């Protein structure tokens, strides 16, 4: 049986904002610098991440 493994971190390619997944609140939280508050974040999601762990 396959297990789905969600991402634990993401980085905006436009402003550099980094977020991490908070298990307790079940939500993304800002890791450090909040980046540009007006940025339409372009998260570093590409075809290399595979959420299926077999």
PDB file of N, CA and C in Angstrom:
ATOM      1  N   UNK A   1       0.849  -1.181   0.000  1.00  0.00           N
ATOM      2  CA  UNK A   1       0.000   0.000   0.000  1.00  0.00           C
ATOM      3  C   UNK A   1       0.895   1.245   0.000  1.00  0.00           C
ATOM      4  N   UNK A   2       0.564   2.196  -0.823  1.00  0.00           N
ATOM      5  CA  UNK A   2       1.336   3.441  -0.934  1.00  0.00           C
ATOM      6  C   UNK A   2       0.915   4.427   0.151  1.00  0.00           C
ATOM      7  N   UNK A   3       1.855   5.251   0.584  1.00  0.00           N
ATOM      8  CA  UNK A   3       1.603   6.292   1.578  1.00  0.00           C
ATOM      9  C   UNK A   3       1.819   7.652   0.923  1.00  0.00           C
ATOM     10  N   UNK A   4       0.899   8.589   1.160  1.00  0.00           N
ATOM     11  CA  UNK A   4       1.028   9.944   0.637  1.00  0.00           C
ATOM     12  C   UNK A   4       1.834  10.773   1.634  1.00  0.00           C
ATOM     13  N   UNK A   5       2.912  11.386   1.161  1.00  0.00           N
ATOM     14  CA  UNK A   5       3.788  12.195   1.999  1.00  0.00           C
ATOM     15  C   UNK A   5       3.704  13.648   1.516  1.00  0.00           C
ATOM     16  N   UNK A   6       3.025  14.515   2.270  1.00  0.00           N
ATOM     17  CA  UNK A   6       2.900  15.911   1.840  1.00  0.00           C
ATOM     18  C   UNK A   6       4.214  16.666   2.001  1.00  0.00           C
ATOM     19  N   UNK A   7       4.381  17.765   1.276  1.00  0.00           N
ATOM     20  CA  UNK A   7       5.605  18.566   1.425  1.00  0.00           C
ATOM     21  C   UNK A   7       5.666  19.187   2.814  1.00  0.00           C
ATOM     22  N   UNK A   8       6.865  19.437   3.315  1.00  0.00           N
ATOM     23  CA  UNK A   8       7.067  20.018   4.646  1.00  0.00           C
ATOM     24  C   UNK A   8       7.595  21.444   4.578  1.00  0.00           C
ATOM     25  N   UNK A   9       8.045  21.873   3.398  1.00  0.00           N
ATOM     26  CA  UNK A   9       8.549  23.236   3.243  1.00  0.00           C
ATOM     27  C   UNK A   9       8.302  23.697   1.811  1.00  0.00           C
ATOM     28  N   UNK A  10       8.259  25.010   1.634  1.00  0.00           N
ATOM     29  CA  UNK A  10       8.090  25.588   0.307  1.00  0.00           C
ATOM     30  C   UNK A  10       8.724  26.973   0.307  1.00  0.00           C
ATOM     31  N   UNK A  11       9.177  27.422  -0.857  1.00  0.00           N
ATOM     32  CA  UNK A  11       9.838  28.715  -0.994  1.00  0.00           C
ATOM     33  C   UNK A  11       9.242  29.428  -2.203  1.00  0.00           C
ATOM     34  N   UNK A  12       8.923  30.713  -2.041  1.00  0.00           N
ATOM     35  CA  UNK A  12       8.394  31.509  -3.142  1.00  0.00           C
ATOM     36  C   UNK A  12       9.548  31.875  -4.075  1.00  0.00           C
ATOM     37  N   UNK A  13       9.373  31.601  -5.366  1.00  0.00           N
ATOM     38  CA  UNK A  13      10.416  31.900  -6.346  1.00  0.00           C
ATOM     39  C   UNK A  13      10.481  33.387  -6.686  1.00  0.00           C
ATOM     40  N   UNK A  14       9.469  34.157  -6.321  1.00  0.00           N
ATOM     41  CA  UNK A  14       9.462  35.592  -6.616  1.00  0.00           C
ATOM     42  C   UNK A  14      10.091  36.428  -5.508  1.00  0.00           C
ATOM     43  N   UNK A  15       9.685  36.200  -4.243  1.00  0.00           N
ATOM     44  CA  UNK A  15      10.151  37.072  -3.153  1.00  0.00           C
ATOM     45  C   UNK A  15      11.046  36.351  -2.144  1.00  0.00           C
ATOM     46  N   UNK A  16      11.180  35.025  -2.250  1.00  0.00           N
ATOM     47  CA  UNK A  16      12.062  34.281  -1.365  1.00  0.00           C
ATOM     48  C   UNK A  16      11.464  33.864  -0.038  1.00  0.00           C
ATOM     49  N   UNK A  17      10.175  34.148   0.191  1.00  0.00           N
ATOM     50  CA  UNK A  17       9.537  33.749   1.443  1.00  0.00           C
ATOM     51  C   UNK A  17       9.567  32.225   1.590  1.00  0.00           C
ATOM     52  N   UNK A  18       9.949  31.760   2.779  1.00  0.00           N
ATOM     53  CA  UNK A  18       9.985  30.327   3.056  1.00  0.00           C
ATOM     54  C   UNK A  18       8.916  29.995   4.091  1.00  0.00           C
ATOM     55  N   UNK A  19       8.143  28.965   3.826  1.00  0.00           N
ATOM     56  CA  UNK A  19       7.120  28.477   4.743  1.00  0.00           C
ATOM     57  C   UNK A  19       7.451  27.049   5.135  1.00  0.00           C
ATOM     58  N   UNK A  20       7.037  26.667   6.339  1.00  0.00           N
ATOM     59  CA  UNK A  20       7.159  25.280   6.790  1.00  0.00           C
ATOM     60  C   UNK A  20       5.792  24.804   7.263  1.00  0.00           C
ATOM     61  N   UNK A  21       5.568  23.512   7.212  1.00  0.00           N
ATOM     62  CA  UNK A  21       4.295  22.938   7.642  1.00  0.00           C
ATOM     63  C   UNK A  21       4.316  22.739   9.143  1.00  0.00           C
ATOM     64  N   UNK A  22       3.297  23.266   9.835  1.00  0.00           N
ATOM     65  CA  UNK A  22       3.169  23.124  11.284  1.00  0.00           C
ATOM     66  C   UNK A  22       2.149  22.025  11.575  1.00  0.00           C
ATOM     67  N   UNK A  23       2.625  20.917  12.107  1.00  0.00           N
ATOM     68  CA  UNK A  23       1.753  19.776  12.403  1.00  0.00           C
ATOM     69  C   UNK A  23       0.658  20.126  13.415  1.00  0.00           C
ATOM     70  N   UNK A  24       1.008  20.920  14.408  1.00  0.00           N
ATOM     71  CA  UNK A  24       0.056  21.241  15.479  1.00  0.00           C
ATOM     72  C   UNK A  24      -1.146  22.024  14.955  1.00  0.00           C
ATOM     73  N   UNK A  25      -0.889  23.059  14.153  1.00  0.00           N
ATOM     74  CA  UNK A  25      -1.989  23.878  13.632  1.00  0.00           C
ATOM     75  C   UNK A  25      -2.502  23.373  12.296  1.00  0.00           C
ATOM     76  N   UNK A  26      -1.808  22.364  11.719  1.00  0.00           N
ATOM     77  CA  UNK A  26      -2.149  21.814  10.413  1.00  0.00           C
ATOM     78  C   UNK A  26      -2.274  22.922   9.365  1.00  0.00           C
ATOM     79  N   UNK A  27      -1.213  23.761   9.307  1.00  0.00           N
ATOM     80  CA  UNK A  27      -1.219  24.908   8.409  1.00  0.00           C
ATOM     81  C   UNK A  27       0.215  25.298   8.086  1.00  0.00           C
ATOM     82  N   UNK A  28       0.387  26.041   6.993  1.00  0.00           N
ATOM     83  CA  UNK A  28       1.697  26.586   6.647  1.00  0.00           C
ATOM     84  C   UNK A  28       1.972  27.804   7.514  1.00  0.00           C
ATOM     85  N   UNK A  29       3.204  27.940   8.000  1.00  0.00           N
ATOM     86  CA  UNK A  29       3.623  29.107   8.778  1.00  0.00           C
ATOM     87  C   UNK A  29       4.912  29.651   8.171  1.00  0.00           C
ATOM     88  N   UNK A  30       5.112  30.959   8.293  1.00  0.00           N
ATOM     89  CA  UNK A  30       6.298  31.611   7.760  1.00  0.00           C
ATOM     90  C   UNK A  30       7.513  31.177   8.567  1.00  0.00           C
ATOM     91  N   UNK A  31       8.552  30.720   7.878  1.00  0.00           N
ATOM     92  CA  UNK A  31       9.748  30.210   8.553  1.00  0.00           C
ATOM     93  C   UNK A  31      10.627  31.331   9.082  1.00  0.00           C
ATOM     94  N   UNK A  32      10.768  32.403   8.334  1.00  0.00           N
ATOM     95  CA  UNK A  32      11.647  33.486   8.760  1.00  0.00           C
ATOM     96  C   UNK A  32      11.144  34.817   8.195  1.00  0.00           C
ATOM     97  N   UNK A  33      11.798  35.360   7.183  1.00  0.00           N
ATOM     98  CA  UNK A  33      11.425  36.635   6.575  1.00  0.00           C
ATOM     99  C   UNK A  33      10.088  36.488   5.842  1.00  0.00           C
ATOM    100  N   UNK A  34       9.099  37.364   6.137  1.00  0.00           N
ATOM    101  CA  UNK A  34       7.790  37.224   5.499  1.00  0.00           C
ATOM    102  C   UNK A  34       7.774  37.563   4.016  1.00  0.00           C
ATOM    103  N   UNK A  35       8.879  38.092   3.483  1.00  0.00           N
ATOM    104  CA  UNK A  35       8.919  38.413   2.061  1.00  0.00           C
ATOM    105  C   UNK A  35       8.056  39.623   1.741  1.00  0.00           C
ATOM    106  N   UNK A  36       7.647  39.735   0.515  1.00  0.00           N
ATOM    107  CA  UNK A  36       6.816  40.849   0.052  1.00  0.00           C
ATOM    108  C   UNK A  36       5.352  40.542   0.356  1.00  0.00           C
ATOM    109  N   UNK A  37       4.685  41.357   1.197  1.00  0.00           N
ATOM    110  CA  UNK A  37       3.295  41.064   1.550  1.00  0.00           C
ATOM    111  C   UNK A  37       2.331  41.173   0.373  1.00  0.00           C
ATOM    112  N   UNK A  38       2.745  41.809  -0.724  1.00  0.00           N
ATOM    113  CA  UNK A  38       1.882  41.972  -1.891  1.00  0.00           C
ATOM    114  C   UNK A  38       2.217  40.986  -3.013  1.00  0.00           C
ATOM    115  N   UNK A  39       3.140  40.074  -2.736  1.00  0.00           N
ATOM    116  CA  UNK A  39       3.558  39.097  -3.736  1.00  0.00           C
ATOM    117  C   UNK A  39       2.455  38.052  -3.959  1.00  0.00           C
ATOM    118  N   UNK A  40       2.215  37.714  -5.214  1.00  0.00           N
ATOM    119  CA  UNK A  40       1.355  36.572  -5.536  1.00  0.00           C
ATOM    120  C   UNK A  40       2.303  35.385  -5.599  1.00  0.00           C
ATOM    121  N   UNK A  41       2.463  34.709  -4.472  1.00  0.00           N
ATOM    122  CA  UNK A  41       3.510  33.709  -4.297  1.00  0.00           C
ATOM    123  C   UNK A  41       3.498  32.636  -5.384  1.00  0.00           C
ATOM    124  N   UNK A  42       4.674  32.384  -5.903  1.00  0.00           N
ATOM    125  CA  UNK A  42       4.911  31.347  -6.898  1.00  0.00           C
ATOM    126  C   UNK A  42       5.774  30.294  -6.207  1.00  0.00           C
ATOM    127  N   UNK A  43       5.117  29.301  -5.589  1.00  0.00           N
ATOM    128  CA  UNK A  43       5.834  28.307  -4.797  1.00  0.00           C
ATOM    129  C   UNK A  43       6.655  27.409  -5.690  1.00  0.00           C
ATOM    130  N   UNK A  44       7.776  26.964  -5.170  1.00  0.00           N
ATOM    131  CA  UNK A  44       8.739  26.150  -5.909  1.00  0.00           C
ATOM    132  C   UNK A  44       8.239  24.718  -6.107  1.00  0.00           C
ATOM    133  N   UNK A  45       7.119  24.602  -6.775  1.00  0.00           N
ATOM    134  CA  UNK A  45       6.538  23.288  -7.046  1.00  0.00           C
ATOM    135  C   UNK A  45       6.870  22.941  -8.501  1.00  0.00           C
ATOM    136  N   UNK A  46       7.515  21.822  -8.677  1.00  0.00           N
ATOM    137  CA  UNK A  46       7.848  21.392 -10.037  1.00  0.00           C
ATOM    138  C   UNK A  46       7.605  19.894 -10.152  1.00  0.00           C
ATOM    139  N   UNK A  47       8.004  19.323 -11.225  1.00  0.00           N
ATOM    140  CA  UNK A  47       7.737  17.912 -11.463  1.00  0.00           C
ATOM    141  C   UNK A  47       8.632  16.944 -10.722  1.00  0.00           C
ATOM    142  N   UNK A  48       9.571  17.423  -9.891  1.00  0.00           N
ATOM    143  CA  UNK A  48      10.485  16.510  -9.215  1.00  0.00           C
ATOM    144  C   UNK A  48       9.940  15.978  -7.890  1.00  0.00           C
ATOM    145  N   UNK A  49       8.968  16.667  -7.283  1.00  0.00           N
ATOM    146  CA  UNK A  49       8.436  16.205  -5.998  1.00  0.00           C
ATOM    147  C   UNK A  49       7.421  15.083  -6.240  1.00  0.00           C
ATOM    148  N   UNK A  50       7.580  14.001  -5.521  1.00  0.00           N
ATOM    149  CA  UNK A  50       6.663  12.874  -5.629  1.00  0.00           C
ATOM    150  C   UNK A  50       6.056  12.602  -4.264  1.00  0.00           C
ATOM    151  N   UNK A  51       4.746  12.843  -4.085  1.00  0.00           N
ATOM    152  CA  UNK A  51       4.127  12.665  -2.767  1.00  0.00           C
ATOM    153  C   UNK A  51       3.844  11.209  -2.411  1.00  0.00           C
ATOM    154  N   UNK A  52       4.085  10.278  -3.323  1.00  0.00           N
ATOM    155  CA  UNK A  52       3.791   8.874  -3.070  1.00  0.00           C
ATOM    156  C   UNK A  52       5.062   8.167  -2.603  1.00  0.00           C
ATOM    157  N   UNK A  53       4.995   7.591  -1.398  1.00  0.00           N
ATOM    158  CA  UNK A  53       6.113   6.846  -0.821  1.00  0.00           C
ATOM    159  C   UNK A  53       5.712   5.375  -0.783  1.00  0.00           C
ATOM    160  N   UNK A  54       6.418   4.565  -1.523  1.00  0.00           N
ATOM    161  CA  UNK A  54       6.040   3.140  -1.576  1.00  0.00           C
ATOM    162  C   UNK A  54       6.921   2.288  -0.708  1.00  0.00           C
TER     163      UNK A  54
END
